[in-house]
Amino acid sequence: MHRSLITAIATILITSPAFAAPLHLKIDPAASKVTTLVAEPDRTKGFATAKFTITSGEVSGDPSNPGSGSSVTLVLDAKSYDSGNGFRDDAVYGMLDADTYPTITFQSTGVEQVAMGPGSSGSANVIGDLTIHGKTRSVTVPVKASLDATNHLTADGEVAFNYADYGVRVPSMMGMAASDRVTVQFHIVAAPG
């Protein structure tokens, strides 16, 4: 959902022009985090919060020209949904039809509104194709990122969309439907690899 997830491409957007060579970074699944929030069927109970495991991802691009030629790929394990509630986790696993569609992917297609900040930090909108449940739709992911002197990238952001648009049915409990809108929050760490 995220594979909002999404998002490590800010490395290209935010790197200092001092690095002239193209960068090729691998996303570190252990240091990165993708979290989803969906309003509970009983709205008084707030949001169901869960995480997905990142299986792989890459970020590449030319820091001297961050708006052109940048690429981000992120792959999540659709079977890894973990809310700490086994009943809910099993229900989401079934809704995602994770045996048939075992991955959630994000593949960037462009970068817009690049704004450089102090040092090697900045923000941008990363546009890309999000594939969930076998359906692909374009999403725009706002990202804030920074690159340190050792070319380690950190990127944070959030994107929301209707998961029913991906053919995923809206969950319900005792006649009450959960929200059909999911918010995906992410913290991505990528390094040369």
N, C-alpha and C. Protein backbone atom coordinates (compact mmCIF):
# COMPACT_ATOMS: atom_id res chain seq x y z
N MET A 1 0.81 -0.92 0.00
CA MET A 1 0.00 0.00 0.00
C MET A 1 0.97 1.10 0.00
N HIS A 2 0.76 0.47 0.46
CA HIS A 2 1.57 1.18 0.28
C HIS A 2 2.45 1.19 -0.30
N ARG A 3 3.57 0.44 -1.05
CA ARG A 3 4.72 0.43 -1.56
C ARG A 3 4.90 1.45 -1.99
N SER A 4 2.74 3.60 -0.70
CA SER A 4 2.85 4.47 -0.76
C SER A 4 3.81 4.57 -0.84
N LEU A 5 4.00 3.65 -0.61
CA LEU A 5 4.58 3.57 -0.12
C LEU A 5 5.34 4.02 -0.58
N ILE A 6 6.71 4.03 -1.63
CA ILE A 6 6.91 4.30 -1.91
C ILE A 6 7.76 5.19 -2.13
N THR A 7 8.68 5.45 -2.28
CA THR A 7 9.18 6.73 -2.00
C THR A 7 10.62 6.89 -1.83
N ALA A 8 11.38 6.13 -1.93
CA ALA A 8 12.77 6.41 -1.69
C ALA A 8 13.37 7.25 -2.77
N ILE A 9 12.68 7.58 -3.80
CA ILE A 9 13.31 8.28 -4.90
C ILE A 9 13.74 9.68 -4.54
N ALA A 10 13.33 10.11 -3.44
CA ALA A 10 13.75 11.44 -3.05
C ALA A 10 15.24 11.53 -2.93
N THR A 11 15.89 10.44 -2.91
CA THR A 11 17.35 10.48 -2.88
C THR A 11 17.88 11.31 -4.03
N ILE A 12 17.24 11.16 -5.15
CA ILE A 12 17.71 11.87 -6.32
C ILE A 12 17.34 13.32 -6.22
N LEU A 13 16.23 13.54 -5.59
CA LEU A 13 15.71 14.88 -5.51
C LEU A 13 16.45 15.71 -4.50
N ILE A 14 17.07 15.03 -3.60
CA ILE A 14 17.55 15.78 -2.46
C ILE A 14 19.04 15.73 -2.31
N THR A 15 19.72 15.06 -3.17
CA THR A 15 21.15 14.97 -3.02
C THR A 15 21.83 16.26 -3.43
N SER A 16 22.98 16.44 -2.90
CA SER A 16 23.75 17.65 -3.20
C SER A 16 24.36 17.56 -4.59
N PRO A 17 24.37 18.67 -5.31
CA PRO A 17 24.99 18.66 -6.63
C PRO A 17 26.47 18.28 -6.60
N ALA A 18 27.07 18.22 -5.43
CA ALA A 18 28.48 17.85 -5.36
C ALA A 18 28.70 16.41 -5.83
N PHE A 19 27.67 15.59 -5.75
CA PHE A 19 27.78 14.22 -6.22
C PHE A 19 27.35 14.19 -7.69
N ALA A 20 28.30 14.12 -8.58
CA ALA A 20 27.97 14.20 -10.00
C ALA A 20 27.58 12.86 -10.59
N ALA A 21 28.11 11.77 -10.04
CA ALA A 21 27.83 10.45 -10.61
C ALA A 21 26.43 9.99 -10.20
N PRO A 22 25.77 9.22 -11.07
CA PRO A 22 24.46 8.67 -10.71
C PRO A 22 24.57 7.79 -9.46
N LEU A 23 23.53 7.81 -8.65
CA LEU A 23 23.49 6.99 -7.44
C LEU A 23 22.62 5.77 -7.68
N HIS A 24 23.03 4.66 -7.10
CA HIS A 24 22.23 3.43 -7.12
C HIS A 24 22.19 2.92 -5.68
N LEU A 25 21.02 3.03 -5.05
CA LEU A 25 20.87 2.67 -3.64
C LEU A 25 19.88 1.52 -3.49
N LYS A 26 20.13 0.70 -2.48
CA LYS A 26 19.20 -0.38 -2.15
C LYS A 26 18.47 -0.01 -0.87
N ILE A 27 17.15 -0.25 -0.86
CA ILE A 27 16.35 0.02 0.33
C ILE A 27 16.65 -1.04 1.38
N ASP A 28 16.85 -0.61 2.61
CA ASP A 28 17.13 -1.50 3.73
C ASP A 28 15.81 -1.87 4.40
N PRO A 29 15.30 -3.09 4.16
CA PRO A 29 14.00 -3.48 4.74
C PRO A 29 13.98 -3.45 6.27
N ALA A 30 15.11 -3.77 6.89
CA ALA A 30 15.14 -3.82 8.36
C ALA A 30 15.06 -2.42 8.98
N ALA A 31 15.58 -1.43 8.28
CA ALA A 31 15.59 -0.06 8.82
C ALA A 31 14.40 0.76 8.34
N SER A 32 13.64 0.23 7.38
CA SER A 32 12.52 0.96 6.78
C SER A 32 11.20 0.46 7.36
N LYS A 33 10.16 1.26 7.16
CA LYS A 33 8.86 0.91 7.75
C LYS A 33 7.73 1.44 6.87
N VAL A 34 6.74 0.58 6.61
CA VAL A 34 5.52 0.98 5.90
C VAL A 34 4.33 0.64 6.79
N THR A 35 3.54 1.65 7.14
CA THR A 35 2.41 1.49 8.05
C THR A 35 1.13 1.93 7.36
N THR A 36 0.04 1.20 7.61
CA THR A 36 -1.26 1.58 7.05
C THR A 36 -2.23 1.92 8.18
N LEU A 37 -3.14 2.85 7.89
CA LEU A 37 -4.19 3.23 8.83
C LEU A 37 -5.52 3.23 8.09
N VAL A 38 -6.51 2.52 8.65
CA VAL A 38 -7.86 2.47 8.09
C VAL A 38 -8.85 2.66 9.24
N ALA A 39 -9.83 3.54 9.05
CA ALA A 39 -10.83 3.77 10.09
C ALA A 39 -11.59 2.48 10.37
N GLU A 40 -11.75 2.16 11.64
CA GLU A 40 -12.47 0.95 12.07
C GLU A 40 -13.95 1.05 11.69
N PRO A 41 -14.62 -0.12 11.52
CA PRO A 41 -16.07 -0.08 11.26
C PRO A 41 -16.82 0.71 12.32
N ASP A 42 -16.45 0.52 13.59
CA ASP A 42 -17.00 1.32 14.67
C ASP A 42 -16.09 2.54 14.82
N ARG A 43 -16.49 3.67 14.23
CA ARG A 43 -15.62 4.84 14.15
C ARG A 43 -15.16 5.34 15.52
N THR A 44 -15.88 4.99 16.58
CA THR A 44 -15.46 5.43 17.91
C THR A 44 -14.18 4.72 18.36
N LYS A 45 -13.79 3.65 17.65
CA LYS A 45 -12.58 2.91 18.01
C LYS A 45 -11.35 3.38 17.26
N GLY A 46 -11.51 4.44 16.47
CA GLY A 46 -10.34 5.01 15.81
C GLY A 46 -9.91 4.26 14.57
N PHE A 47 -8.59 4.04 14.47
CA PHE A 47 -8.00 3.45 13.27
C PHE A 47 -7.35 2.11 13.56
N ALA A 48 -7.46 1.21 12.59
CA ALA A 48 -6.67 -0.02 12.63
C ALA A 48 -5.32 0.31 12.01
N THR A 49 -4.27 0.09 12.76
CA THR A 49 -2.92 0.38 12.30
C THR A 49 -2.17 -0.93 12.10
N ALA A 50 -1.47 -1.03 10.98
CA ALA A 50 -0.74 -2.26 10.68
C ALA A 50 0.52 -1.93 9.90
N LYS A 51 1.39 -2.91 9.81
CA LYS A 51 2.61 -2.71 9.03
C LYS A 51 2.72 -3.81 7.97
N PHE A 52 3.45 -3.48 6.92
CA PHE A 52 3.80 -4.44 5.87
C PHE A 52 5.32 -4.57 5.84
N THR A 53 5.81 -5.75 5.48
CA THR A 53 7.23 -5.99 5.34
C THR A 53 7.68 -5.62 3.93
N ILE A 54 8.76 -4.87 3.85
CA ILE A 54 9.39 -4.56 2.57
C ILE A 54 10.28 -5.74 2.20
N THR A 55 10.11 -6.28 0.98
CA THR A 55 10.97 -7.38 0.56
C THR A 55 12.16 -6.90 -0.25
N SER A 56 11.99 -5.82 -1.01
CA SER A 56 13.10 -5.29 -1.78
C SER A 56 12.76 -3.89 -2.28
N GLY A 57 13.78 -3.20 -2.73
CA GLY A 57 13.57 -1.87 -3.30
C GLY A 57 14.88 -1.23 -3.71
N GLU A 58 14.80 -0.35 -4.68
CA GLU A 58 15.98 0.35 -5.17
C GLU A 58 15.64 1.79 -5.49
N VAL A 59 16.63 2.64 -5.39
CA VAL A 59 16.51 4.05 -5.75
C VAL A 59 17.71 4.38 -6.62
N SER A 60 17.47 5.06 -7.73
CA SER A 60 18.59 5.48 -8.56
C SER A 60 18.28 6.81 -9.22
N GLY A 61 19.34 7.51 -9.59
CA GLY A 61 19.15 8.78 -10.27
C GLY A 61 20.41 9.63 -10.25
N ASP A 62 20.34 10.73 -10.93
CA ASP A 62 21.46 11.66 -11.05
C ASP A 62 21.21 12.86 -10.15
N PRO A 63 21.96 12.99 -9.06
CA PRO A 63 21.73 14.09 -8.12
C PRO A 63 21.84 15.47 -8.76
N SER A 64 22.61 15.59 -9.85
CA SER A 64 22.75 16.88 -10.48
C SER A 64 21.53 17.24 -11.33
N ASN A 65 20.64 16.27 -11.55
CA ASN A 65 19.42 16.51 -12.32
C ASN A 65 18.29 15.66 -11.74
N PRO A 66 17.84 15.98 -10.51
CA PRO A 66 16.91 15.11 -9.80
C PRO A 66 15.55 14.96 -10.45
N GLY A 67 15.13 15.88 -11.26
CA GLY A 67 13.81 15.77 -11.87
C GLY A 67 13.78 14.92 -13.11
N SER A 68 14.93 14.40 -13.55
CA SER A 68 14.98 13.63 -14.79
C SER A 68 15.72 12.32 -14.59
N GLY A 69 15.10 11.23 -15.00
CA GLY A 69 15.77 9.94 -14.97
C GLY A 69 15.82 9.27 -13.62
N SER A 70 15.15 9.79 -12.63
CA SER A 70 15.12 9.16 -11.31
C SER A 70 14.22 7.94 -11.34
N SER A 71 14.54 6.96 -10.50
CA SER A 71 13.74 5.74 -10.47
C SER A 71 13.67 5.18 -9.05
N VAL A 72 12.49 4.75 -8.67
CA VAL A 72 12.28 4.10 -7.38
C VAL A 72 11.43 2.86 -7.60
N THR A 73 11.85 1.77 -7.02
CA THR A 73 11.08 0.54 -7.04
C THR A 73 10.95 0.05 -5.60
N LEU A 74 9.74 -0.32 -5.20
CA LEU A 74 9.51 -0.81 -3.85
C LEU A 74 8.56 -2.00 -3.93
N VAL A 75 8.92 -3.08 -3.24
CA VAL A 75 8.10 -4.30 -3.24
C VAL A 75 7.77 -4.67 -1.80
N LEU A 76 6.48 -4.85 -1.52
CA LEU A 76 6.01 -5.27 -0.20
C LEU A 76 5.45 -6.68 -0.28
N ASP A 77 5.55 -7.39 0.83
CA ASP A 77 4.97 -8.73 0.95
C ASP A 77 3.51 -8.58 1.36
N ALA A 78 2.57 -8.90 0.46
CA ALA A 78 1.15 -8.75 0.76
C ALA A 78 0.70 -9.67 1.90
N LYS A 79 1.46 -10.73 2.14
CA LYS A 79 1.11 -11.69 3.20
C LYS A 79 1.60 -11.23 4.57
N SER A 80 2.32 -10.12 4.62
CA SER A 80 2.97 -9.72 5.87
C SER A 80 2.16 -8.75 6.71
N TYR A 81 0.93 -8.41 6.29
CA TYR A 81 0.09 -7.47 7.04
C TYR A 81 0.03 -7.89 8.50
N ASP A 82 0.38 -6.99 9.40
CA ASP A 82 0.42 -7.31 10.83
C ASP A 82 -0.12 -6.14 11.64
N SER A 83 -1.33 -6.34 12.18
CA SER A 83 -1.96 -5.33 13.02
C SER A 83 -1.92 -5.71 14.50
N GLY A 84 -1.38 -6.90 14.78
CA GLY A 84 -1.40 -7.40 16.15
C GLY A 84 -2.72 -8.06 16.52
N ASN A 85 -3.64 -8.15 15.56
CA ASN A 85 -4.94 -8.79 15.77
C ASN A 85 -5.07 -9.88 14.71
N GLY A 86 -4.93 -11.14 15.13
CA GLY A 86 -4.94 -12.26 14.19
C GLY A 86 -6.20 -12.33 13.35
N PHE A 87 -7.36 -12.04 13.94
CA PHE A 87 -8.61 -12.08 13.20
C PHE A 87 -8.60 -11.05 12.07
N ARG A 88 -8.18 -9.83 12.39
CA ARG A 88 -8.11 -8.78 11.38
C ARG A 88 -7.07 -9.12 10.32
N ASP A 89 -5.91 -9.61 10.77
CA ASP A 89 -4.83 -9.93 9.83
C ASP A 89 -5.28 -10.99 8.82
N ASP A 90 -5.97 -12.02 9.30
CA ASP A 90 -6.48 -13.07 8.40
C ASP A 90 -7.50 -12.50 7.42
N ALA A 91 -8.34 -11.58 7.91
CA ALA A 91 -9.36 -10.98 7.05
C ALA A 91 -8.70 -10.15 5.94
N VAL A 92 -7.70 -9.37 6.29
CA VAL A 92 -7.02 -8.55 5.29
C VAL A 92 -6.25 -9.43 4.31
N TYR A 93 -5.62 -10.45 4.82
CA TYR A 93 -4.91 -11.40 3.95
C TYR A 93 -5.87 -11.95 2.89
N GLY A 94 -7.09 -12.30 3.33
CA GLY A 94 -8.10 -12.81 2.39
C GLY A 94 -8.58 -11.73 1.43
N MET A 95 -8.79 -10.51 1.94
CA MET A 95 -9.25 -9.41 1.09
C MET A 95 -8.24 -9.08 0.01
N LEU A 96 -6.97 -9.18 0.36
CA LEU A 96 -5.92 -8.90 -0.62
C LEU A 96 -5.68 -10.08 -1.56
N ASP A 97 -6.30 -11.23 -1.24
CA ASP A 97 -6.09 -12.44 -2.04
C ASP A 97 -4.59 -12.66 -2.21
N ALA A 98 -3.91 -12.65 -1.06
CA ALA A 98 -2.45 -12.64 -1.05
C ALA A 98 -1.81 -13.90 -1.61
N ASP A 99 -2.53 -15.01 -1.66
CA ASP A 99 -1.97 -16.20 -2.30
C ASP A 99 -1.84 -15.99 -3.81
N THR A 100 -2.83 -15.33 -4.38
CA THR A 100 -2.82 -15.05 -5.82
C THR A 100 -1.97 -13.84 -6.16
N TYR A 101 -2.02 -12.81 -5.31
CA TYR A 101 -1.27 -11.56 -5.53
C TYR A 101 -0.34 -11.34 -4.33
N PRO A 102 0.80 -12.04 -4.31
CA PRO A 102 1.64 -12.03 -3.11
C PRO A 102 2.46 -10.76 -2.88
N THR A 103 2.49 -9.85 -3.85
CA THR A 103 3.27 -8.64 -3.65
C THR A 103 2.43 -7.39 -3.92
N ILE A 104 2.85 -6.32 -3.32
CA ILE A 104 2.35 -4.97 -3.58
C ILE A 104 3.56 -4.19 -4.08
N THR A 105 3.44 -3.54 -5.22
CA THR A 105 4.62 -2.89 -5.79
C THR A 105 4.35 -1.42 -6.11
N PHE A 106 5.42 -0.66 -6.04
CA PHE A 106 5.40 0.73 -6.49
C PHE A 106 6.57 0.92 -7.43
N GLN A 107 6.30 1.46 -8.62
CA GLN A 107 7.33 1.77 -9.60
C GLN A 107 7.16 3.22 -10.02
N SER A 108 8.15 4.03 -9.73
CA SER A 108 8.03 5.45 -10.06
C SER A 108 8.03 5.66 -11.58
N THR A 109 7.34 6.73 -11.98
CA THR A 109 7.30 7.12 -13.40
C THR A 109 7.76 8.56 -13.60
N GLY A 110 7.94 9.30 -12.51
CA GLY A 110 8.38 10.68 -12.64
C GLY A 110 8.50 11.37 -11.29
N VAL A 111 9.12 12.55 -11.32
CA VAL A 111 9.31 13.36 -10.12
C VAL A 111 8.93 14.79 -10.47
N GLU A 112 8.14 15.41 -9.59
CA GLU A 112 7.69 16.78 -9.83
C GLU A 112 7.89 17.62 -8.57
N GLN A 113 7.85 18.92 -8.74
CA GLN A 113 7.89 19.89 -7.65
C GLN A 113 9.06 19.63 -6.70
N VAL A 114 10.23 19.48 -7.28
CA VAL A 114 11.44 19.28 -6.50
C VAL A 114 11.80 20.60 -5.81
N ALA A 115 12.00 20.56 -4.51
CA ALA A 115 12.39 21.74 -3.74
C ALA A 115 13.56 21.37 -2.85
N MET A 116 14.71 21.95 -3.13
CA MET A 116 15.90 21.65 -2.34
C MET A 116 15.89 22.46 -1.06
N GLY A 117 16.28 21.82 0.03
CA GLY A 117 16.37 22.48 1.32
C GLY A 117 17.82 22.70 1.68
N PRO A 118 18.08 22.96 2.95
CA PRO A 118 19.47 23.15 3.38
C PRO A 118 20.25 21.85 3.29
N GLY A 119 21.53 21.96 2.95
CA GLY A 119 22.37 20.77 2.84
C GLY A 119 21.86 19.85 1.76
N SER A 120 21.78 18.57 2.07
CA SER A 120 21.31 17.57 1.12
C SER A 120 19.93 17.08 1.52
N SER A 121 19.01 18.01 1.68
CA SER A 121 17.64 17.65 2.03
C SER A 121 16.69 18.38 1.10
N GLY A 122 15.46 17.92 1.06
CA GLY A 122 14.47 18.56 0.21
C GLY A 122 13.18 17.79 0.16
N SER A 123 12.33 18.17 -0.77
CA SER A 123 11.04 17.52 -0.92
C SER A 123 10.68 17.44 -2.40
N ALA A 124 9.73 16.56 -2.70
CA ALA A 124 9.27 16.40 -4.08
C ALA A 124 8.01 15.57 -4.08
N ASN A 125 7.31 15.58 -5.19
CA ASN A 125 6.20 14.66 -5.42
C ASN A 125 6.70 13.57 -6.35
N VAL A 126 6.61 12.32 -5.88
CA VAL A 126 7.01 11.18 -6.69
C VAL A 126 5.75 10.56 -7.28
N ILE A 127 5.71 10.49 -8.61
CA ILE A 127 4.55 9.89 -9.29
C ILE A 127 4.94 8.47 -9.68
N GLY A 128 4.00 7.55 -9.53
CA GLY A 128 4.34 6.18 -9.89
C GLY A 128 3.14 5.28 -9.96
N ASP A 129 3.38 4.06 -10.39
CA ASP A 129 2.34 3.04 -10.53
C ASP A 129 2.35 2.16 -9.29
N LEU A 130 1.20 2.14 -8.61
CA LEU A 130 1.01 1.29 -7.44
C LEU A 130 0.15 0.10 -7.86
N THR A 131 0.65 -1.10 -7.62
CA THR A 131 -0.07 -2.32 -7.99
C THR A 131 -0.45 -3.08 -6.73
N ILE A 132 -1.76 -3.25 -6.55
CA ILE A 132 -2.32 -3.99 -5.42
C ILE A 132 -3.40 -4.91 -5.98
N HIS A 133 -3.43 -6.14 -5.52
CA HIS A 133 -4.51 -7.05 -5.89
C HIS A 133 -4.62 -7.20 -7.42
N GLY A 134 -3.47 -7.11 -8.10
CA GLY A 134 -3.46 -7.28 -9.55
C GLY A 134 -3.89 -6.08 -10.35
N LYS A 135 -4.20 -4.96 -9.69
CA LYS A 135 -4.62 -3.75 -10.39
C LYS A 135 -3.59 -2.65 -10.18
N THR A 136 -3.33 -1.89 -11.23
CA THR A 136 -2.32 -0.84 -11.19
C THR A 136 -2.98 0.51 -11.42
N ARG A 137 -2.65 1.46 -10.54
CA ARG A 137 -3.14 2.83 -10.68
C ARG A 137 -2.01 3.79 -10.35
N SER A 138 -2.08 4.97 -10.96
CA SER A 138 -1.07 5.99 -10.71
C SER A 138 -1.39 6.72 -9.41
N VAL A 139 -0.34 6.97 -8.61
CA VAL A 139 -0.48 7.74 -7.38
C VAL A 139 0.63 8.80 -7.33
N THR A 140 0.38 9.85 -6.59
CA THR A 140 1.38 10.89 -6.36
C THR A 140 1.72 10.88 -4.88
N VAL A 141 3.00 10.71 -4.58
CA VAL A 141 3.45 10.54 -3.21
C VAL A 141 4.35 11.72 -2.80
N PRO A 142 3.88 12.58 -1.89
CA PRO A 142 4.76 13.65 -1.38
C PRO A 142 5.85 13.05 -0.49
N VAL A 143 7.09 13.46 -0.72
CA VAL A 143 8.23 12.89 0.00
C VAL A 143 9.13 14.00 0.52
N LYS A 144 9.62 13.81 1.74
CA LYS A 144 10.71 14.63 2.29
C LYS A 144 11.88 13.68 2.50
N ALA A 145 13.05 14.10 2.06
CA ALA A 145 14.19 13.19 2.14
C ALA A 145 15.48 13.94 2.39
N SER A 146 16.47 13.18 2.84
CA SER A 146 17.81 13.73 3.00
C SER A 146 18.84 12.65 2.70
N LEU A 147 20.00 13.09 2.29
CA LEU A 147 21.10 12.19 1.95
C LEU A 147 22.31 12.64 2.76
N ASP A 148 22.93 11.69 3.49
CA ASP A 148 24.09 12.08 4.29
C ASP A 148 25.38 11.95 3.48
N ALA A 149 26.49 12.24 4.12
CA ALA A 149 27.78 12.26 3.43
C ALA A 149 28.21 10.88 2.94
N THR A 150 27.62 9.82 3.51
CA THR A 150 27.96 8.45 3.09
C THR A 150 26.93 7.90 2.10
N ASN A 151 26.11 8.79 1.54
CA ASN A 151 25.08 8.41 0.56
C ASN A 151 24.00 7.50 1.13
N HIS A 152 23.71 7.66 2.42
CA HIS A 152 22.58 6.96 3.04
C HIS A 152 21.38 7.90 2.96
N LEU A 153 20.32 7.41 2.36
CA LEU A 153 19.11 8.19 2.15
C LEU A 153 18.06 7.85 3.20
N THR A 154 17.39 8.87 3.71
CA THR A 154 16.18 8.65 4.50
C THR A 154 15.06 9.46 3.83
N ALA A 155 13.90 8.83 3.71
CA ALA A 155 12.76 9.48 3.07
C ALA A 155 11.50 9.17 3.87
N ASP A 156 10.68 10.18 4.06
CA ASP A 156 9.44 10.02 4.82
C ASP A 156 8.29 10.65 4.05
N GLY A 157 7.11 10.08 4.21
CA GLY A 157 5.95 10.64 3.56
C GLY A 157 4.69 9.88 3.89
N GLU A 158 3.63 10.29 3.22
CA GLU A 158 2.30 9.72 3.47
C GLU A 158 1.46 9.90 2.22
N VAL A 159 0.68 8.90 1.90
CA VAL A 159 -0.25 8.98 0.77
C VAL A 159 -1.53 8.24 1.15
N ALA A 160 -2.66 8.71 0.65
CA ALA A 160 -3.95 8.08 0.93
C ALA A 160 -4.66 7.77 -0.38
N PHE A 161 -5.41 6.68 -0.40
CA PHE A 161 -6.16 6.31 -1.59
C PHE A 161 -7.28 5.36 -1.19
N ASN A 162 -8.22 5.13 -2.10
CA ASN A 162 -9.31 4.19 -1.87
C ASN A 162 -8.88 2.81 -2.32
N TYR A 163 -8.82 1.86 -1.40
CA TYR A 163 -8.36 0.53 -1.80
C TYR A 163 -9.42 -0.21 -2.60
N ALA A 164 -10.66 0.25 -2.54
CA ALA A 164 -11.70 -0.36 -3.39
C ALA A 164 -11.39 -0.13 -4.86
N ASP A 165 -10.63 0.94 -5.17
CA ASP A 165 -10.22 1.20 -6.55
C ASP A 165 -9.31 0.11 -7.09
N TYR A 166 -8.75 -0.69 -6.20
CA TYR A 166 -7.86 -1.78 -6.59
C TYR A 166 -8.58 -3.14 -6.55
N GLY A 167 -9.89 -3.09 -6.42
CA GLY A 167 -10.65 -4.34 -6.40
C GLY A 167 -10.65 -5.03 -5.06
N VAL A 168 -10.20 -4.33 -4.01
CA VAL A 168 -10.19 -4.89 -2.67
C VAL A 168 -11.49 -4.50 -1.99
N ARG A 169 -12.24 -5.48 -1.52
CA ARG A 169 -13.55 -5.17 -0.92
C ARG A 169 -13.38 -4.47 0.41
N VAL A 170 -14.36 -3.64 0.72
CA VAL A 170 -14.36 -2.90 1.98
C VAL A 170 -14.74 -3.85 3.11
N PRO A 171 -13.90 -3.95 4.14
CA PRO A 171 -14.24 -4.85 5.25
C PRO A 171 -15.43 -4.36 6.06
N SER A 172 -16.16 -5.30 6.61
CA SER A 172 -17.29 -4.94 7.46
C SER A 172 -17.33 -5.86 8.67
N MET A 173 -18.01 -5.36 9.71
CA MET A 173 -18.15 -6.12 10.94
C MET A 173 -19.54 -5.86 11.49
N MET A 174 -20.34 -6.89 11.59
CA MET A 174 -21.69 -6.78 12.13
C MET A 174 -22.49 -5.69 11.41
N GLY A 175 -22.38 -5.68 10.10
CA GLY A 175 -23.14 -4.74 9.29
C GLY A 175 -22.55 -3.35 9.17
N MET A 176 -21.43 -3.10 9.84
CA MET A 176 -20.78 -1.79 9.75
C MET A 176 -19.53 -1.92 8.89
N ALA A 177 -19.42 -1.07 7.87
CA ALA A 177 -18.27 -1.13 6.97
C ALA A 177 -17.14 -0.23 7.47
N ALA A 178 -15.93 -0.72 7.30
CA ALA A 178 -14.76 0.12 7.58
C ALA A 178 -14.65 1.16 6.47
N SER A 179 -13.80 2.11 6.67
CA SER A 179 -13.56 3.11 5.63
C SER A 179 -12.95 2.45 4.41
N ASP A 180 -13.25 2.96 3.23
CA ASP A 180 -12.63 2.42 2.03
C ASP A 180 -11.35 3.19 1.68
N ARG A 181 -10.94 4.06 2.60
CA ARG A 181 -9.75 4.88 2.37
C ARG A 181 -8.64 4.43 3.31
N VAL A 182 -7.48 4.22 2.77
CA VAL A 182 -6.32 3.81 3.56
C VAL A 182 -5.26 4.91 3.46
N THR A 183 -4.61 5.17 4.58
CA THR A 183 -3.48 6.08 4.60
C THR A 183 -2.23 5.24 4.80
N VAL A 184 -1.24 5.46 3.94
CA VAL A 184 0.03 4.74 4.03
C VAL A 184 1.10 5.73 4.45
N GLN A 185 1.76 5.42 5.54
CA GLN A 185 2.88 6.23 6.03
C GLN A 185 4.16 5.41 5.88
N PHE A 186 5.25 6.08 5.53
CA PHE A 186 6.47 5.31 5.32
C PHE A 186 7.69 6.06 5.81
N HIS A 187 8.66 5.27 6.21
CA HIS A 187 10.01 5.76 6.53
C HIS A 187 10.94 4.82 5.77
N ILE A 188 11.67 5.37 4.81
CA ILE A 188 12.52 4.55 3.96
C ILE A 188 13.98 4.90 4.21
N VAL A 189 14.80 3.87 4.34
CA VAL A 189 16.24 4.05 4.47
C VAL A 189 16.88 3.27 3.33
N ALA A 190 17.77 3.91 2.58
CA ALA A 190 18.45 3.26 1.46
C ALA A 190 19.92 3.62 1.50
N ALA A 191 20.76 2.69 1.02
CA ALA A 191 22.20 2.89 1.07
C ALA A 191 22.85 2.27 -0.16
N PRO A 192 24.07 2.66 -0.47
CA PRO A 192 24.76 2.03 -1.59
C PRO A 192 24.85 0.52 -1.36
N GLY A 193 24.67 -0.24 -2.42
CA GLY A 193 24.71 -1.69 -2.25
C GLY A 193 24.98 -2.33 -3.54
